[in-house]
Amino acid sequence: MTYYYKMGDIPHKRHVQFRKGDGSLHHEEVMGIHGFAGIQSILYHLHPPTEVMKAEVVSHVEVPYENHEHLHHRHIRTEALKQGGDAVDGRVPFMGNSDVVLYIARPTEPMSYWYRFAHGDEAIFIHDGTGTLESQYGVLRYRPGDYLVIPTGVVWRILPDPDVDQRMLVIESFGHIEAPKRYLNNYGQFLEHSPYCERDIRPPEDLLTFDETGEFEVRVKARDRISRYLYGNHPLDVVGWDGHLWPYAFNIEDFEPITGRVHQPPPVHQTFDGPGFVVCSFVPRLFDYHPEAIPAPYNHSNVDSDEVLYYVEGDFMSRKGIERASFTVHPNGVPHGPHPGTYEGSIGKEKTEELAVMVDTFRPLMMTRQAREMEDENYAYSWLPQEARAGMPG
């Protein structure tokens, strides 16, 4: 994160003696990125975080990508995806590459273990549901519209509220998810014209400190496998921490849209920056106000990126036949734009109530078997006039 925060008890200076009531030492842990040259936090444990009793491989994990015969636009309907599992083992992969993988999860169970992804950060967009993200940094309540941004190295689990339907878009990044640099000044503070700022970011609310012994499971995903580590002390034994690296929540409703007299390009919606991809938030906003403006987006070619839109709520004025919880995928190499009739139909409209998350990748995306099974095969031809679609595949 870009600003300093602290919780609990910490010593007056880092890397010095910090003793418990009985005179023994707390155990300091520095968690940082970019080899001690990036942002970091320092946590103080009751017990060494290195005391592993047992380690074993639980499973090998490989995203089941499929080779497709030709390049085309896709509409993938995920609304009917079955519920089940927890927020990690219930994930269903839909697409990805060497930089990022996109999953949908509809968990029905709390995680009975803690989890860490060793190769990068994760952003979990909460489409439906409420619950708690629990980590060694404390408790963070979540609600619909929240992005939960979890840095690599954080030990966490999600505990959904009972009897509340859950739906999550998971963005698993092989690197760090950050605020776009153009929103920040030289000191890391959000600029006045940025669409969100520090006030909109919610840090952990309460620090949970457990001094318990037993058998506690932490699963780590790394190198195409998930390993199980058993600890004799509770992993949430932190009495205090401070620094700039911590999990946080940002709600999409707090993204302030940038509008103009004529149609603004997608970068004005950017929310996060990742290695080889960006995340954008499309939120309710006023349309363009030039007297001759055309609010619908112009036709465009994704010369350097694949464009993925995940539809959350509302009616997208440039698309027809798109459902809640659908993905559209517009790959580089093929132009795309508003559906027939929506370009002209947008003229004179004053605002939109659409809500969507966009992920643009700079390497080609590969689709999974699950994506293929939920694909609307007619979507690629949906720009044709109605009479020309007769006899099309699907």
Protein backbone atom coordinates (compact mmCIF):
# COMPACT_ATOMS: atom_id res chain seq x y z
CA MET A 1 0.00 0.00 0.00
CA THR A 2 1.14 3.57 -0.50
CA TYR A 3 0.80 4.89 3.04
CA TYR A 4 1.86 4.06 6.57
CA TYR A 5 -0.40 2.28 9.03
CA LYS A 6 0.06 0.52 12.34
CA MET A 7 -1.91 -1.67 14.71
CA GLY A 8 -1.28 -3.15 18.15
CA ASP A 9 1.95 -2.88 20.16
CA ILE A 10 5.31 -2.20 18.54
CA PRO A 11 8.69 -1.08 19.94
CA HIS A 12 9.89 2.51 19.59
CA LYS A 13 12.50 1.51 16.99
CA ARG A 14 12.74 -1.32 14.48
CA HIS A 15 15.18 -4.22 14.91
CA VAL A 16 15.60 -3.68 18.65
CA GLN A 17 14.65 -5.75 21.69
CA PHE A 18 10.90 -5.95 22.21
CA ARG A 19 10.16 -8.04 25.28
CA LYS A 20 7.02 -9.71 26.57
CA GLY A 21 5.76 -9.41 30.12
CA ASP A 22 7.82 -12.44 31.19
CA GLY A 23 11.03 -10.92 29.81
CA SER A 24 11.31 -13.11 26.69
CA LEU A 25 11.57 -11.56 23.24
CA HIS A 26 8.88 -11.07 20.65
CA HIS A 27 9.86 -12.36 17.21
CA GLU A 28 10.21 -9.73 14.50
CA GLU A 29 9.25 -10.51 10.89
CA VAL A 30 9.99 -8.13 8.02
CA MET A 31 7.65 -8.62 5.07
CA GLY A 32 8.63 -6.62 2.01
CA ILE A 33 8.75 -6.66 -1.78
CA HIS A 34 11.42 -6.03 -4.40
CA GLY A 35 14.21 -7.46 -2.26
CA PHE A 36 14.01 -4.97 0.63
CA ALA A 37 13.91 -2.06 -1.83
CA GLY A 38 10.11 -1.82 -2.02
CA ILE A 39 7.39 -1.18 0.53
CA GLN A 40 7.39 -3.33 3.65
CA SER A 41 5.82 -3.94 7.02
CA ILE A 42 7.25 -5.33 10.24
CA LEU A 43 5.22 -7.77 12.34
CA TYR A 44 5.89 -8.84 15.94
CA HIS A 45 4.98 -12.45 16.78
CA LEU A 46 4.62 -14.23 20.09
CA HIS A 47 6.40 -17.23 18.52
CA PRO A 48 8.82 -17.65 15.61
CA PRO A 49 6.86 -17.77 12.32
CA THR A 50 9.39 -20.34 11.07
CA GLU A 51 8.45 -23.28 13.34
CA VAL A 52 7.06 -25.78 10.82
CA MET A 53 6.18 -29.22 12.24
CA LYS A 54 5.35 -30.89 8.93
CA ALA A 55 5.38 -30.03 5.23
CA GLU A 56 3.83 -31.98 2.37
CA VAL A 57 2.41 -31.49 -1.10
CA VAL A 58 -1.38 -31.45 -1.17
CA SER A 59 -1.91 -31.26 -4.92
CA HIS A 60 -0.45 -30.21 -8.22
CA VAL A 61 -2.30 -27.34 -9.84
CA GLU A 62 -2.31 -26.53 -13.51
CA VAL A 63 -4.83 -24.29 -15.24
CA PRO A 64 -6.55 -26.43 -17.93
CA TYR A 65 -6.13 -24.20 -20.97
CA GLU A 66 -7.49 -25.41 -24.31
CA ASN A 67 -6.32 -24.73 -27.82
CA HIS A 68 -8.99 -23.00 -29.89
CA GLU A 69 -9.15 -23.25 -33.63
CA HIS A 70 -9.60 -19.57 -34.38
CA LEU A 71 -9.46 -16.15 -32.82
CA HIS A 72 -12.83 -14.54 -32.09
CA HIS A 73 -14.79 -12.45 -29.62
CA ARG A 74 -16.31 -14.42 -26.76
CA HIS A 75 -19.21 -14.12 -24.34
CA ILE A 76 -18.90 -16.46 -21.37
CA ARG A 77 -21.93 -16.82 -19.10
CA THR A 78 -21.00 -17.66 -15.52
CA GLU A 79 -24.27 -16.81 -13.76
CA ALA A 80 -25.23 -20.50 -13.55
CA LEU A 81 -21.89 -21.62 -12.12
CA LYS A 82 -22.54 -24.02 -9.26
CA GLN A 83 -21.85 -23.05 -5.68
CA GLY A 84 -19.43 -25.03 -3.57
CA GLY A 85 -16.16 -25.23 -1.70
CA ASP A 86 -14.36 -22.40 -0.01
CA ALA A 87 -12.85 -19.21 -1.40
CA VAL A 88 -9.73 -21.03 -2.62
CA ASP A 89 -10.61 -24.64 -3.46
CA GLY A 90 -13.94 -23.51 -4.94
CA ARG A 91 -12.30 -21.34 -7.59
CA VAL A 92 -13.05 -22.14 -11.22
CA PRO A 93 -10.45 -20.85 -13.74
CA PHE A 94 -11.77 -19.22 -16.92
CA MET A 95 -8.78 -17.61 -18.61
CA GLY A 96 -5.21 -16.52 -18.05
CA ASN A 97 -1.62 -16.29 -19.19
CA SER A 98 1.82 -16.09 -17.57
CA ASP A 99 0.92 -12.78 -15.87
CA VAL A 100 -2.59 -13.29 -14.51
CA VAL A 101 -5.34 -15.88 -14.09
CA LEU A 102 -9.05 -15.03 -13.71
CA TYR A 103 -11.33 -17.26 -11.64
CA ILE A 104 -14.91 -17.20 -10.40
CA ALA A 105 -15.67 -18.60 -6.94
CA ARG A 106 -19.05 -19.18 -5.29
CA PRO A 107 -17.96 -20.44 -1.88
CA THR A 108 -20.39 -22.02 0.54
CA GLU A 109 -17.88 -22.93 3.26
CA PRO A 110 -15.41 -21.07 5.46
CA MET A 111 -11.74 -21.86 4.93
CA SER A 112 -10.58 -24.32 7.61
CA TYR A 113 -6.95 -23.40 6.88
CA TRP A 114 -4.96 -20.28 6.04
CA TYR A 115 -3.57 -19.61 2.57
CA ARG A 116 -0.73 -17.80 0.85
CA PHE A 117 0.01 -17.32 -2.85
CA ALA A 118 3.79 -17.18 -3.15
CA HIS A 119 4.19 -15.71 -6.64
CA GLY A 120 2.22 -12.47 -6.44
CA ASP A 121 -0.70 -10.45 -5.16
CA GLU A 122 -4.39 -11.24 -5.47
CA ALA A 123 -7.37 -8.95 -5.97
CA ILE A 124 -10.70 -10.54 -5.09
CA PHE A 125 -13.71 -8.60 -6.33
CA ILE A 126 -16.79 -9.32 -4.20
CA HIS A 127 -19.76 -9.47 -6.57
CA ASP A 128 -22.14 -10.92 -4.00
CA GLY A 129 -21.86 -11.67 -0.31
CA THR A 130 -20.52 -10.46 2.98
CA GLY A 131 -18.00 -11.92 5.36
CA THR A 132 -14.54 -11.55 6.83
CA LEU A 133 -11.01 -11.59 5.45
CA GLU A 134 -8.80 -12.75 8.32
CA SER A 135 -5.00 -12.39 8.27
CA GLN A 136 -2.06 -11.84 10.58
CA TYR A 137 -2.67 -8.12 9.96
CA GLY A 138 -6.16 -8.30 11.46
CA VAL A 139 -9.79 -8.63 10.43
CA LEU A 140 -11.27 -6.93 7.39
CA ARG A 141 -15.03 -7.08 6.78
CA TYR A 142 -16.10 -7.25 3.13
CA ARG A 143 -19.30 -6.38 1.27
CA PRO A 144 -20.52 -6.34 -2.36
CA GLY A 145 -18.38 -4.14 -4.59
CA ASP A 146 -15.20 -4.55 -2.55
CA TYR A 147 -11.86 -5.25 -4.11
CA LEU A 148 -9.84 -7.18 -1.52
CA VAL A 149 -6.18 -6.65 -2.41
CA ILE A 150 -3.94 -9.20 -0.69
CA PRO A 151 -0.15 -8.84 -1.03
CA THR A 152 1.94 -11.92 -1.56
CA GLY A 153 3.29 -13.30 1.72
CA VAL A 154 0.13 -12.51 3.67
CA VAL A 155 -1.40 -15.52 5.43
CA TRP A 156 -5.17 -15.23 5.10
CA ARG A 157 -8.51 -16.95 4.96
CA ILE A 158 -12.04 -15.93 4.01
CA LEU A 159 -14.96 -16.66 6.32
CA PRO A 160 -18.24 -15.98 4.49
CA ASP A 161 -21.24 -14.97 6.57
CA PRO A 162 -23.60 -17.94 7.02
CA ASP A 163 -26.57 -18.28 4.66
CA VAL A 164 -25.37 -15.45 2.40
CA ASP A 165 -24.79 -16.21 -1.30
CA GLN A 166 -21.24 -15.47 -2.37
CA ARG A 167 -19.80 -14.68 -5.80
CA MET A 168 -16.21 -13.56 -6.31
CA LEU A 169 -14.06 -12.60 -9.29
CA VAL A 170 -10.48 -13.59 -8.41
CA ILE A 171 -7.56 -11.87 -10.14
CA GLU A 172 -4.45 -13.92 -9.37
CA SER A 173 -1.38 -11.90 -10.35
CA PHE A 174 2.15 -13.17 -10.89
CA GLY A 175 3.53 -9.93 -9.48
CA HIS A 176 2.33 -6.91 -7.55
CA ILE A 177 -0.98 -5.07 -7.87
CA GLU A 178 -0.56 -1.35 -7.28
CA ALA A 179 -2.22 2.00 -7.79
CA PRO A 180 -1.35 3.48 -11.20
CA LYS A 181 1.74 5.63 -10.89
CA ARG A 182 0.08 8.52 -12.70
CA TYR A 183 -2.32 8.87 -9.73
CA LEU A 184 0.56 9.39 -7.26
CA ASN A 185 2.97 12.22 -6.55
CA ASN A 186 6.70 11.76 -5.95
CA TYR A 187 6.01 10.94 -2.30
CA GLY A 188 3.46 8.20 -2.99
CA GLN A 189 0.43 10.32 -2.04
CA PHE A 190 -2.64 10.23 -4.28
CA LEU A 191 -2.93 13.35 -6.44
CA GLU A 192 -5.92 15.67 -6.31
CA HIS A 193 -7.21 14.54 -9.70
CA SER A 194 -6.97 10.80 -9.00
CA PRO A 195 -10.33 8.96 -9.03
CA TYR A 196 -9.79 7.63 -5.51
CA CYS A 197 -7.48 8.36 -2.59
CA GLU A 198 -6.28 7.14 0.80
CA ARG A 199 -9.62 7.93 2.48
CA ASP A 200 -11.29 5.31 0.26
CA ILE A 201 -8.94 2.50 1.25
CA ARG A 202 -9.96 0.38 4.23
CA PRO A 203 -7.15 -1.24 6.25
CA PRO A 204 -7.72 -4.14 8.66
CA GLU A 205 -10.11 -3.16 11.44
CA ASP A 206 -9.19 -5.31 14.44
CA LEU A 207 -5.99 -7.15 15.25
CA LEU A 208 -6.56 -10.73 16.41
CA THR A 209 -3.80 -12.18 18.59
CA PHE A 210 -3.91 -15.88 19.50
CA ASP A 211 -1.46 -17.52 21.87
CA GLU A 212 -2.61 -21.08 21.18
CA THR A 213 -0.85 -24.37 20.59
CA GLY A 214 -2.18 -27.27 18.54
CA GLU A 215 -2.05 -28.14 14.84
CA PHE A 216 -2.65 -25.24 12.45
CA GLU A 217 -2.64 -25.63 8.68
CA VAL A 218 -1.28 -23.07 6.22
CA ARG A 219 -1.47 -23.89 2.51
CA VAL A 220 0.99 -22.26 0.14
CA LYS A 221 0.51 -22.14 -3.62
CA ALA A 222 3.85 -22.04 -5.40
CA ARG A 223 5.52 -23.66 -8.40
CA ASP A 224 2.40 -25.34 -9.76
CA ARG A 225 1.52 -27.08 -6.53
CA ILE A 226 -0.18 -26.46 -3.22
CA SER A 227 1.80 -27.49 -0.14
CA ARG A 228 0.51 -27.93 3.37
CA TYR A 229 2.51 -26.64 6.34
CA LEU A 230 1.53 -27.59 9.87
CA TYR A 231 2.46 -25.27 12.72
CA GLY A 232 2.31 -25.93 16.45
CA ASN A 233 1.42 -22.30 17.22
CA HIS A 234 -1.49 -20.29 15.89
CA PRO A 235 -0.41 -18.32 12.76
CA LEU A 236 -2.29 -15.25 13.99
CA ASP A 237 -0.03 -14.55 16.97
CA VAL A 238 0.96 -11.00 15.96
CA VAL A 239 0.79 -8.44 18.79
CA GLY A 240 1.49 -5.47 16.55
CA TRP A 241 2.72 -4.36 13.16
CA ASP A 242 3.48 -1.22 11.16
CA GLY A 243 4.46 -0.30 7.65
CA HIS A 244 3.16 0.21 4.13
CA LEU A 245 2.43 -3.38 3.07
CA TRP A 246 -0.93 -4.77 4.22
CA PRO A 247 -4.18 -6.20 2.83
CA TYR A 248 -6.91 -3.68 2.17
CA ALA A 249 -10.40 -3.21 0.75
CA PHE A 250 -11.49 -0.65 -1.82
CA ASN A 251 -15.14 -0.49 -2.86
CA ILE A 252 -15.98 0.14 -6.50
CA GLU A 253 -18.65 2.64 -5.41
CA ASP A 254 -15.84 4.90 -4.16
CA PHE A 255 -14.28 5.15 -7.63
CA GLU A 256 -15.05 8.65 -8.92
CA PRO A 257 -15.52 8.55 -12.70
CA ILE A 258 -13.65 10.93 -14.97
CA THR A 259 -15.94 12.34 -17.65
CA GLY A 260 -15.54 14.83 -20.51
CA ARG A 261 -17.28 16.66 -23.33
CA VAL A 262 -16.52 13.76 -25.69
CA HIS A 263 -16.10 10.04 -25.06
CA GLN A 264 -13.19 9.26 -22.75
CA PRO A 265 -10.89 6.28 -23.48
CA PRO A 266 -10.73 3.23 -21.16
CA PRO A 267 -7.59 4.38 -19.24
CA VAL A 268 -9.73 6.93 -17.35
CA HIS A 269 -11.37 3.93 -15.65
CA GLN A 270 -8.09 2.36 -14.51
CA THR A 271 -8.08 1.32 -10.87
CA PHE A 272 -5.02 -0.91 -10.46
CA ASP A 273 -1.84 -1.69 -12.32
CA GLY A 274 -0.38 -5.20 -12.46
CA PRO A 275 2.52 -6.86 -14.28
CA GLY A 276 1.28 -7.27 -17.83
CA PHE A 277 -2.30 -6.14 -17.12
CA VAL A 278 -4.51 -3.35 -15.79
CA VAL A 279 -7.78 -3.42 -13.85
CA CYS A 280 -10.48 -0.83 -14.60
CA SER A 281 -13.80 0.00 -12.93
CA PHE A 282 -16.81 1.07 -14.96
CA VAL A 283 -19.23 2.81 -12.61
CA PRO A 284 -22.44 4.88 -12.90
CA ARG A 285 -21.55 8.21 -14.44
CA LEU A 286 -22.77 11.12 -16.54
CA PHE A 287 -22.31 10.77 -20.27
CA ASP A 288 -20.36 13.14 -22.50
CA TYR A 289 -21.78 16.63 -22.68
CA HIS A 290 -20.58 18.03 -26.02
CA PRO A 291 -23.78 19.00 -27.92
CA GLU A 292 -22.88 16.53 -30.68
CA ALA A 293 -21.37 13.83 -28.45
CA ILE A 294 -21.86 10.13 -29.11
CA PRO A 295 -21.75 8.49 -25.66
CA ALA A 296 -21.25 4.94 -26.95
CA PRO A 297 -17.61 3.92 -27.38
CA TYR A 298 -16.15 4.13 -30.86
CA ASN A 299 -14.99 1.02 -32.71
CA HIS A 300 -11.46 0.17 -31.72
CA SER A 301 -8.76 -2.42 -32.22
CA ASN A 302 -6.90 -3.83 -29.23
CA VAL A 303 -3.54 -3.67 -30.93
CA ASP A 304 -1.52 -4.59 -27.84
CA SER A 305 -4.01 -6.16 -25.46
CA ASP A 306 -6.86 -8.56 -24.87
CA GLU A 307 -9.86 -6.86 -23.26
CA VAL A 308 -11.96 -8.70 -20.67
CA LEU A 309 -15.11 -7.19 -19.19
CA TYR A 310 -16.84 -8.77 -16.22
CA TYR A 311 -20.41 -7.46 -15.99
CA VAL A 312 -21.54 -6.76 -12.42
CA GLU A 313 -24.82 -4.83 -12.55
CA GLY A 314 -26.84 -2.50 -14.74
CA ASP A 315 -27.47 -2.18 -18.46
CA PHE A 316 -24.42 -1.69 -20.67
CA MET A 317 -25.48 0.75 -23.33
CA SER A 318 -23.00 -0.55 -25.93
CA ARG A 319 -23.86 -4.27 -25.55
CA LYS A 320 -26.93 -6.41 -26.19
CA GLY A 321 -27.67 -9.80 -24.70
CA ILE A 322 -25.09 -9.57 -21.92
CA GLU A 323 -26.00 -11.08 -18.58
CA ARG A 324 -25.01 -10.36 -15.03
CA ALA A 325 -21.77 -12.24 -14.16
CA SER A 326 -20.83 -12.61 -17.83
CA PHE A 327 -17.36 -12.18 -19.30
CA THR A 328 -16.79 -10.72 -22.73
CA VAL A 329 -13.36 -11.27 -24.24
CA HIS A 330 -12.23 -9.10 -27.16
CA PRO A 331 -8.77 -10.28 -28.27
CA ASN A 332 -6.10 -8.25 -30.00
CA GLY A 333 -6.13 -8.62 -33.76
CA VAL A 334 -9.90 -8.23 -34.21
CA PRO A 335 -11.66 -4.81 -34.02
CA HIS A 336 -14.70 -4.49 -31.78
CA GLY A 337 -17.15 -1.81 -30.82
CA PRO A 338 -20.77 -1.08 -29.96
CA HIS A 339 -23.46 -3.49 -31.06
CA PRO A 340 -25.70 -2.51 -34.00
CA GLY A 341 -28.12 0.22 -33.01
CA THR A 342 -26.38 1.14 -29.75
CA TYR A 343 -24.06 3.71 -31.38
CA GLU A 344 -26.92 5.80 -32.72
CA GLY A 345 -29.16 4.89 -29.78
CA SER A 346 -26.78 6.40 -27.25
CA ILE A 347 -27.14 9.93 -28.65
CA GLY A 348 -29.00 12.18 -26.24
CA LYS A 349 -28.67 9.86 -23.25
CA GLU A 350 -27.41 11.63 -20.14
CA LYS A 351 -26.05 8.90 -17.88
CA THR A 352 -25.40 5.21 -17.41
CA GLU A 353 -25.92 2.93 -14.42
CA GLU A 354 -23.51 0.23 -15.63
CA LEU A 355 -21.13 -1.48 -13.22
CA ALA A 356 -18.32 -3.68 -14.51
CA VAL A 357 -14.71 -4.71 -13.91
CA MET A 358 -12.33 -4.73 -16.86
CA VAL A 359 -9.01 -6.55 -17.08
CA ASP A 360 -6.81 -5.69 -20.07
CA THR A 361 -3.82 -7.98 -20.57
CA PHE A 362 -0.76 -7.31 -22.71
CA ARG A 363 -0.12 -10.96 -23.46
CA PRO A 364 -2.73 -13.12 -25.22
CA LEU A 365 -5.21 -14.86 -22.95
CA MET A 366 -5.88 -18.57 -23.13
CA MET A 367 -9.33 -19.98 -22.38
CA THR A 368 -10.08 -22.98 -20.17
CA ARG A 369 -12.42 -25.91 -20.67
CA GLN A 370 -14.85 -24.30 -18.21
CA ALA A 371 -14.91 -21.12 -20.31
CA ARG A 372 -15.60 -23.12 -23.44
CA GLU A 373 -18.49 -24.96 -21.78
CA MET A 374 -20.18 -21.69 -20.81
CA GLU A 375 -19.53 -19.80 -24.03
CA ASP A 376 -22.25 -18.21 -26.16
CA GLU A 377 -21.06 -19.29 -29.59
CA ASN A 378 -23.24 -16.73 -31.39
CA TYR A 379 -21.53 -13.74 -29.75
CA ALA A 380 -18.76 -13.48 -32.35
CA TYR A 381 -21.41 -12.79 -35.00
CA SER A 382 -23.56 -10.42 -32.93
CA TRP A 383 -22.34 -7.34 -34.84
CA LEU A 384 -24.01 -8.58 -38.03
CA PRO A 385 -27.46 -7.31 -39.02
CA GLN A 386 -30.19 -9.60 -37.75
CA GLU A 387 -31.03 -10.96 -41.20
CA ALA A 388 -27.39 -11.92 -41.84
CA ARG A 389 -27.17 -14.09 -38.74
CA ALA A 390 -29.48 -16.80 -40.04
CA GLY A 391 -27.66 -20.07 -40.38
CA MET A 392 -24.66 -18.98 -38.34
CA PRO A 393 -22.92 -21.60 -36.14
CA GLY A 394 -24.43 -22.27 -32.71
